[in-house]
Amino acid sequence: MEANEVAKARNKTGLSQREVAAVLQISPRTLQEREQGRRSPSGPAKALIGIASRHPEIIREGLEQSG
């Protein structure tokens, strides 16, 4: 998974890095590093990013439920 795919998936949600990181239960720094290509997501993280890309509303719902 390329860094641009991570950023595109987040952008589809319309949420900030901090908000998406909260839903995924990772640090905002980890998400930032993935978006910039300095860190690669693990298998489960790749699956979640794929879901976020195809169904961004699920990530937004996750933020509403965690808030």
PDB file of N, CA and C in Angstrom:
ATOM      1  N   MET A   1       0.853  -1.176   0.000  1.00  0.00           N
ATOM      2  CA  MET A   1       0.000   0.000   0.000  1.00  0.00           C
ATOM      3  C   MET A   1       0.897   1.237   0.000  1.00  0.00           C
ATOM      4  N   GLU A   2       0.642   2.117  -0.934  1.00  0.00           N
ATOM      5  CA  GLU A   2       1.453   3.318  -1.042  1.00  0.00           C
ATOM      6  C   GLU A   2       0.938   4.414  -0.113  1.00  0.00           C
ATOM      7  N   ALA A   3       1.848   5.321   0.228  1.00  0.00           N
ATOM      8  CA  ALA A   3       1.502   6.415   1.133  1.00  0.00           C
ATOM      9  C   ALA A   3       0.320   7.209   0.608  1.00  0.00           C
ATOM     10  N   ASN A   4       0.302   7.462  -0.693  1.00  0.00           N
ATOM     11  CA  ASN A   4      -0.795   8.243  -1.269  1.00  0.00           C
ATOM     12  C   ASN A   4      -2.138   7.561  -1.059  1.00  0.00           C
ATOM     13  N   GLU A   5      -2.165   6.237  -1.039  1.00  0.00           N
ATOM     14  CA  GLU A   5      -3.417   5.515  -0.810  1.00  0.00           C
ATOM     15  C   GLU A   5      -3.937   5.774   0.599  1.00  0.00           C
ATOM     16  N   VAL A   6      -3.035   5.855   1.557  1.00  0.00           N
ATOM     17  CA  VAL A   6      -3.421   6.132   2.941  1.00  0.00           C
ATOM     18  C   VAL A   6      -4.025   7.535   3.035  1.00  0.00           C
ATOM     19  N   ALA A   7      -3.357   8.504   2.447  1.00  0.00           N
ATOM     20  CA  ALA A   7      -3.853   9.882   2.480  1.00  0.00           C
ATOM     21  C   ALA A   7      -5.172  10.007   1.721  1.00  0.00           C
ATOM     22  N   LYS A   8      -5.282   9.336   0.573  1.00  0.00           N
ATOM     23  CA  LYS A   8      -6.532   9.390  -0.195  1.00  0.00           C
ATOM     24  C   LYS A   8      -7.691   8.799   0.597  1.00  0.00           C
ATOM     25  N   ALA A   9      -7.433   7.696   1.269  1.00  0.00           N
ATOM     26  CA  ALA A   9      -8.488   7.067   2.072  1.00  0.00           C
ATOM     27  C   ALA A   9      -8.946   8.018   3.168  1.00  0.00           C
ATOM     28  N   ARG A  10      -7.995   8.665   3.837  1.00  0.00           N
ATOM     29  CA  ARG A  10      -8.370   9.602   4.901  1.00  0.00           C
ATOM     30  C   ARG A  10      -9.127  10.788   4.317  1.00  0.00           C
ATOM     31  N   ASN A  11      -8.666  11.295   3.188  1.00  0.00           N
ATOM     32  CA  ASN A  11      -9.337  12.445   2.574  1.00  0.00           C
ATOM     33  C   ASN A  11     -10.773  12.126   2.191  1.00  0.00           C
ATOM     34  N   LYS A  12     -11.030  10.886   1.779  1.00  0.00           N
ATOM     35  CA  LYS A  12     -12.400  10.486   1.445  1.00  0.00           C
ATOM     36  C   LYS A  12     -13.318  10.563   2.660  1.00  0.00           C
ATOM     37  N   THR A  13     -12.758  10.383   3.851  1.00  0.00           N
ATOM     38  CA  THR A  13     -13.593  10.449   5.050  1.00  0.00           C
ATOM     39  C   THR A  13     -13.965  11.885   5.403  1.00  0.00           C
ATOM     40  N   GLY A  14     -13.153  12.843   4.943  1.00  0.00           N
ATOM     41  CA  GLY A  14     -13.379  14.242   5.288  1.00  0.00           C
ATOM     42  C   GLY A  14     -12.921  14.577   6.699  1.00  0.00           C
ATOM     43  N   LEU A  15     -12.170  13.681   7.313  1.00  0.00           N
ATOM     44  CA  LEU A  15     -11.728  13.865   8.696  1.00  0.00           C
ATOM     45  C   LEU A  15     -10.248  14.234   8.748  1.00  0.00           C
ATOM     46  N   SER A  16      -9.859  14.815   9.854  1.00  0.00           N
ATOM     47  CA  SER A  16      -8.458  15.171  10.067  1.00  0.00           C
ATOM     48  C   SER A  16      -7.635  13.928  10.411  1.00  0.00           C
ATOM     49  N   GLN A  17      -6.318  14.073  10.371  1.00  0.00           N
ATOM     50  CA  GLN A  17      -5.447  12.970  10.779  1.00  0.00           C
ATOM     51  C   GLN A  17      -5.753  12.562  12.212  1.00  0.00           C
ATOM     52  N   ARG A  18      -5.936  13.527  13.071  1.00  0.00           N
ATOM     53  CA  ARG A  18      -6.208  13.237  14.484  1.00  0.00           C
ATOM     54  C   ARG A  18      -7.503  12.442  14.650  1.00  0.00           C
ATOM     55  N   GLU A  19      -8.534  12.828  13.899  1.00  0.00           N
ATOM     56  CA  GLU A  19      -9.818  12.137  14.002  1.00  0.00           C
ATOM     57  C   GLU A  19      -9.733  10.701  13.489  1.00  0.00           C
ATOM     58  N   VAL A  20      -9.094  10.516  12.341  1.00  0.00           N
ATOM     59  CA  VAL A  20      -8.974   9.166  11.789  1.00  0.00           C
ATOM     60  C   VAL A  20      -8.097   8.310  12.694  1.00  0.00           C
ATOM     61  N   ALA A  21      -7.029   8.874  13.209  1.00  0.00           N
ATOM     62  CA  ALA A  21      -6.164   8.128  14.120  1.00  0.00           C
ATOM     63  C   ALA A  21      -6.941   7.672  15.350  1.00  0.00           C
ATOM     64  N   ALA A  22      -7.823   8.508  15.860  1.00  0.00           N
ATOM     65  CA  ALA A  22      -8.633   8.137  17.028  1.00  0.00           C
ATOM     66  C   ALA A  22      -9.531   6.952  16.711  1.00  0.00           C
ATOM     67  N   VAL A  23     -10.151   6.965  15.534  1.00  0.00           N
ATOM     68  CA  VAL A  23     -11.032   5.868  15.145  1.00  0.00           C
ATOM     69  C   VAL A  23     -10.234   4.576  14.991  1.00  0.00           C
ATOM     70  N   LEU A  24      -9.053   4.667  14.377  1.00  0.00           N
ATOM     71  CA  LEU A  24      -8.221   3.493  14.146  1.00  0.00           C
ATOM     72  C   LEU A  24      -7.426   3.079  15.381  1.00  0.00           C
ATOM     73  N   GLN A  25      -7.510   3.892  16.415  1.00  0.00           N
ATOM     74  CA  GLN A  25      -6.807   3.651  17.681  1.00  0.00           C
ATOM     75  C   GLN A  25      -5.300   3.563  17.478  1.00  0.00           C
ATOM     76  N   ILE A  26      -4.784   4.534  16.713  1.00  0.00           N
ATOM     77  CA  ILE A  26      -3.347   4.693  16.539  1.00  0.00           C
ATOM     78  C   ILE A  26      -3.009   6.152  16.836  1.00  0.00           C
ATOM     79  N   SER A  27      -1.749   6.447  16.980  1.00  0.00           N
ATOM     80  CA  SER A  27      -1.372   7.832  17.243  1.00  0.00           C
ATOM     81  C   SER A  27      -1.455   8.640  15.950  1.00  0.00           C
ATOM     82  N   PRO A  28      -1.746   9.929  16.068  1.00  0.00           N
ATOM     83  CA  PRO A  28      -1.754  10.773  14.868  1.00  0.00           C
ATOM     84  C   PRO A  28      -0.395  10.740  14.162  1.00  0.00           C
ATOM     85  N   ARG A  29       0.664  10.628  14.925  1.00  0.00           N
ATOM     86  CA  ARG A  29       2.014  10.565  14.347  1.00  0.00           C
ATOM     87  C   ARG A  29       2.178   9.323  13.466  1.00  0.00           C
ATOM     88  N   THR A  30       1.651   8.186  13.919  1.00  0.00           N
ATOM     89  CA  THR A  30       1.723   6.960  13.128  1.00  0.00           C
ATOM     90  C   THR A  30       0.989   7.141  11.809  1.00  0.00           C
ATOM     91  N   LEU A  31      -0.196   7.727  11.858  1.00  0.00           N
ATOM     92  CA  LEU A  31      -0.959   7.965  10.630  1.00  0.00           C
ATOM     93  C   LEU A  31      -0.193   8.905   9.707  1.00  0.00           C
ATOM     94  N   GLN A  32       0.377   9.941  10.262  1.00  0.00           N
ATOM     95  CA  GLN A  32       1.144  10.900   9.472  1.00  0.00           C
ATOM     96  C   GLN A  32       2.329  10.199   8.790  1.00  0.00           C
ATOM     97  N   GLU A  33       3.023   9.353   9.531  1.00  0.00           N
ATOM     98  CA  GLU A  33       4.169   8.643   8.957  1.00  0.00           C
ATOM     99  C   GLU A  33       3.736   7.691   7.847  1.00  0.00           C
ATOM    100  N   ARG A  34       2.577   7.082   8.002  1.00  0.00           N
ATOM    101  CA  ARG A  34       2.050   6.207   6.946  1.00  0.00           C
ATOM    102  C   ARG A  34       1.684   7.010   5.711  1.00  0.00           C
ATOM    103  N   GLU A  35       1.082   8.171   5.923  1.00  0.00           N
ATOM    104  CA  GLU A  35       0.705   9.016   4.791  1.00  0.00           C
ATOM    105  C   GLU A  35       1.929   9.532   4.048  1.00  0.00           C
ATOM    106  N   GLN A  36       3.025   9.735   4.755  1.00  0.00           N
ATOM    107  CA  GLN A  36       4.237  10.264   4.142  1.00  0.00           C
ATOM    108  C   GLN A  36       5.177   9.159   3.650  1.00  0.00           C
ATOM    109  N   GLY A  37       4.763   7.915   3.810  1.00  0.00           N
ATOM    110  CA  GLY A  37       5.545   6.806   3.308  1.00  0.00           C
ATOM    111  C   GLY A  37       6.737   6.401   4.154  1.00  0.00           C
ATOM    112  N   ARG A  38       6.840   6.938   5.357  1.00  0.00           N
ATOM    113  CA  ARG A  38       7.958   6.575   6.237  1.00  0.00           C
ATOM    114  C   ARG A  38       7.676   5.301   7.014  1.00  0.00           C
ATOM    115  N   ARG A  39       6.441   4.891   7.025  1.00  0.00           N
ATOM    116  CA  ARG A  39       6.032   3.706   7.750  1.00  0.00           C
ATOM    117  C   ARG A  39       4.968   2.978   6.943  1.00  0.00           C
ATOM    118  N   SER A  40       5.054   1.663   6.892  1.00  0.00           N
ATOM    119  CA  SER A  40       4.063   0.884   6.138  1.00  0.00           C
ATOM    120  C   SER A  40       3.035   0.294   7.092  1.00  0.00           C
ATOM    121  N   PRO A  41       1.767   0.332   6.704  1.00  0.00           N
ATOM    122  CA  PRO A  41       0.739  -0.267   7.550  1.00  0.00           C
ATOM    123  C   PRO A  41       0.857  -1.795   7.565  1.00  0.00           C
ATOM    124  N   SER A  42       0.500  -2.390   8.681  1.00  0.00           N
ATOM    125  CA  SER A  42       0.485  -3.847   8.826  1.00  0.00           C
ATOM    126  C   SER A  42      -0.720  -4.409   8.078  1.00  0.00           C
ATOM    127  N   GLY A  43      -0.834  -5.722   8.044  1.00  0.00           N
ATOM    128  CA  GLY A  43      -1.963  -6.369   7.372  1.00  0.00           C
ATOM    129  C   GLY A  43      -3.315  -5.877   7.831  1.00  0.00           C
ATOM    130  N   PRO A  44      -3.585  -5.902   9.164  1.00  0.00           N
ATOM    131  CA  PRO A  44      -4.891  -5.415   9.625  1.00  0.00           C
ATOM    132  C   PRO A  44      -5.103  -3.924   9.321  1.00  0.00           C
ATOM    133  N   ALA A  45      -4.055  -3.140   9.437  1.00  0.00           N
ATOM    134  CA  ALA A  45      -4.179  -1.711   9.139  1.00  0.00           C
ATOM    135  C   ALA A  45      -4.472  -1.497   7.656  1.00  0.00           C
ATOM    136  N   LYS A  46      -3.851  -2.303   6.798  1.00  0.00           N
ATOM    137  CA  LYS A  46      -4.130  -2.202   5.363  1.00  0.00           C
ATOM    138  C   LYS A  46      -5.607  -2.494   5.093  1.00  0.00           C
ATOM    139  N   ALA A  47      -6.135  -3.483   5.781  1.00  0.00           N
ATOM    140  CA  ALA A  47      -7.547  -3.827   5.603  1.00  0.00           C
ATOM    141  C   ALA A  47      -8.441  -2.665   6.031  1.00  0.00           C
ATOM    142  N   LEU A  48      -8.133  -2.052   7.159  1.00  0.00           N
ATOM    143  CA  LEU A  48      -8.934  -0.919   7.638  1.00  0.00           C
ATOM    144  C   LEU A  48      -8.833   0.273   6.694  1.00  0.00           C
ATOM    145  N   ILE A  49      -7.650   0.506   6.162  1.00  0.00           N
ATOM    146  CA  ILE A  49      -7.477   1.614   5.222  1.00  0.00           C
ATOM    147  C   ILE A  49      -8.270   1.335   3.941  1.00  0.00           C
ATOM    148  N   GLY A  50      -8.286   0.088   3.510  1.00  0.00           N
ATOM    149  CA  GLY A  50      -9.089  -0.281   2.343  1.00  0.00           C
ATOM    150  C   GLY A  50     -10.575  -0.049   2.581  1.00  0.00           C
ATOM    151  N   ILE A  51     -11.025  -0.404   3.777  1.00  0.00           N
ATOM    152  CA  ILE A  51     -12.424  -0.170   4.136  1.00  0.00           C
ATOM    153  C   ILE A  51     -12.716   1.328   4.157  1.00  0.00           C
ATOM    154  N   ALA A  52     -11.807   2.098   4.727  1.00  0.00           N
ATOM    155  CA  ALA A  52     -11.987   3.553   4.786  1.00  0.00           C
ATOM    156  C   ALA A  52     -12.081   4.142   3.386  1.00  0.00           C
ATOM    157  N   SER A  53     -11.312   3.586   2.472  1.00  0.00           N
ATOM    158  CA  SER A  53     -11.323   4.088   1.101  1.00  0.00           C
ATOM    159  C   SER A  53     -12.641   3.765   0.400  1.00  0.00           C
ATOM    160  N   ARG A  54     -13.134   2.552   0.609  1.00  0.00           N
ATOM    161  CA  ARG A  54     -14.366   2.132  -0.065  1.00  0.00           C
ATOM    162  C   ARG A  54     -15.638   2.608   0.645  1.00  0.00           C
ATOM    163  N   HIS A  55     -15.551   2.758   1.970  1.00  0.00           N
ATOM    164  CA  HIS A  55     -16.731   3.114   2.771  1.00  0.00           C
ATOM    165  C   HIS A  55     -16.356   4.174   3.825  1.00  0.00           C
ATOM    166  N   PRO A  56     -16.047   5.387   3.402  1.00  0.00           N
ATOM    167  CA  PRO A  56     -15.605   6.410   4.342  1.00  0.00           C
ATOM    168  C   PRO A  56     -16.624   6.724   5.439  1.00  0.00           C
ATOM    169  N   GLU A  57     -17.897   6.461   5.155  1.00  0.00           N
ATOM    170  CA  GLU A  57     -18.927   6.736   6.163  1.00  0.00           C
ATOM    171  C   GLU A  57     -18.746   5.878   7.411  1.00  0.00           C
ATOM    172  N   ILE A  58     -18.163   4.701   7.254  1.00  0.00           N
ATOM    173  CA  ILE A  58     -17.930   3.829   8.412  1.00  0.00           C
ATOM    174  C   ILE A  58     -16.922   4.465   9.369  1.00  0.00           C
ATOM    175  N   ILE A  59     -15.900   5.091   8.817  1.00  0.00           N
ATOM    176  CA  ILE A  59     -14.897   5.757   9.654  1.00  0.00           C
ATOM    177  C   ILE A  59     -15.529   6.945  10.369  1.00  0.00           C
ATOM    178  N   ARG A  60     -16.362   7.694   9.666  1.00  0.00           N
ATOM    179  CA  ARG A  60     -17.047   8.834  10.305  1.00  0.00           C
ATOM    180  C   ARG A  60     -17.961   8.341  11.430  1.00  0.00           C
ATOM    181  N   GLU A  61     -18.659   7.229  11.202  1.00  0.00           N
ATOM    182  CA  GLU A  61     -19.519   6.648  12.242  1.00  0.00           C
ATOM    183  C   GLU A  61     -18.673   6.230  13.451  1.00  0.00           C
ATOM    184  N   GLY A  62     -17.508   5.686  13.188  1.00  0.00           N
ATOM    185  CA  GLY A  62     -16.618   5.280  14.285  1.00  0.00           C
ATOM    186  C   GLY A  62     -16.214   6.457  15.145  1.00  0.00           C
ATOM    187  N   LEU A  63     -16.006   7.611  14.521  1.00  0.00           N
ATOM    188  CA  LEU A  63     -15.651   8.811  15.282  1.00  0.00           C
ATOM    189  C   LEU A  63     -16.829   9.248  16.147  1.00  0.00           C
ATOM    190  N   GLU A  64     -18.025   9.205  15.591  1.00  0.00           N
ATOM    191  CA  GLU A  64     -19.217   9.607  16.342  1.00  0.00           C
ATOM    192  C   GLU A  64     -19.437   8.688  17.550  1.00  0.00           C
ATOM    193  N   GLN A  65     -19.171   7.407  17.379  1.00  0.00           N
ATOM    194  CA  GLN A  65     -19.372   6.451  18.468  1.00  0.00           C
ATOM    195  C   GLN A  65     -18.298   6.566  19.534  1.00  0.00           C
ATOM    196  N   SER A  66     -17.087   6.943  19.139  1.00  0.00           N
ATOM    197  CA  SER A  66     -16.003   7.041  20.130  1.00  0.00           C
ATOM    198  C   SER A  66     -16.049   8.360  20.877  1.00  0.00           C
ATOM    199  N   GLY A  67     -16.748   9.350  20.323  1.00  0.00           N
ATOM    200  CA  GLY A  67     -16.788  10.687  20.901  1.00  0.00           C
ATOM    201  C   GLY A  67     -17.789  10.772  21.961  1.00  0.00           C
TER     202      GLY A  67
END
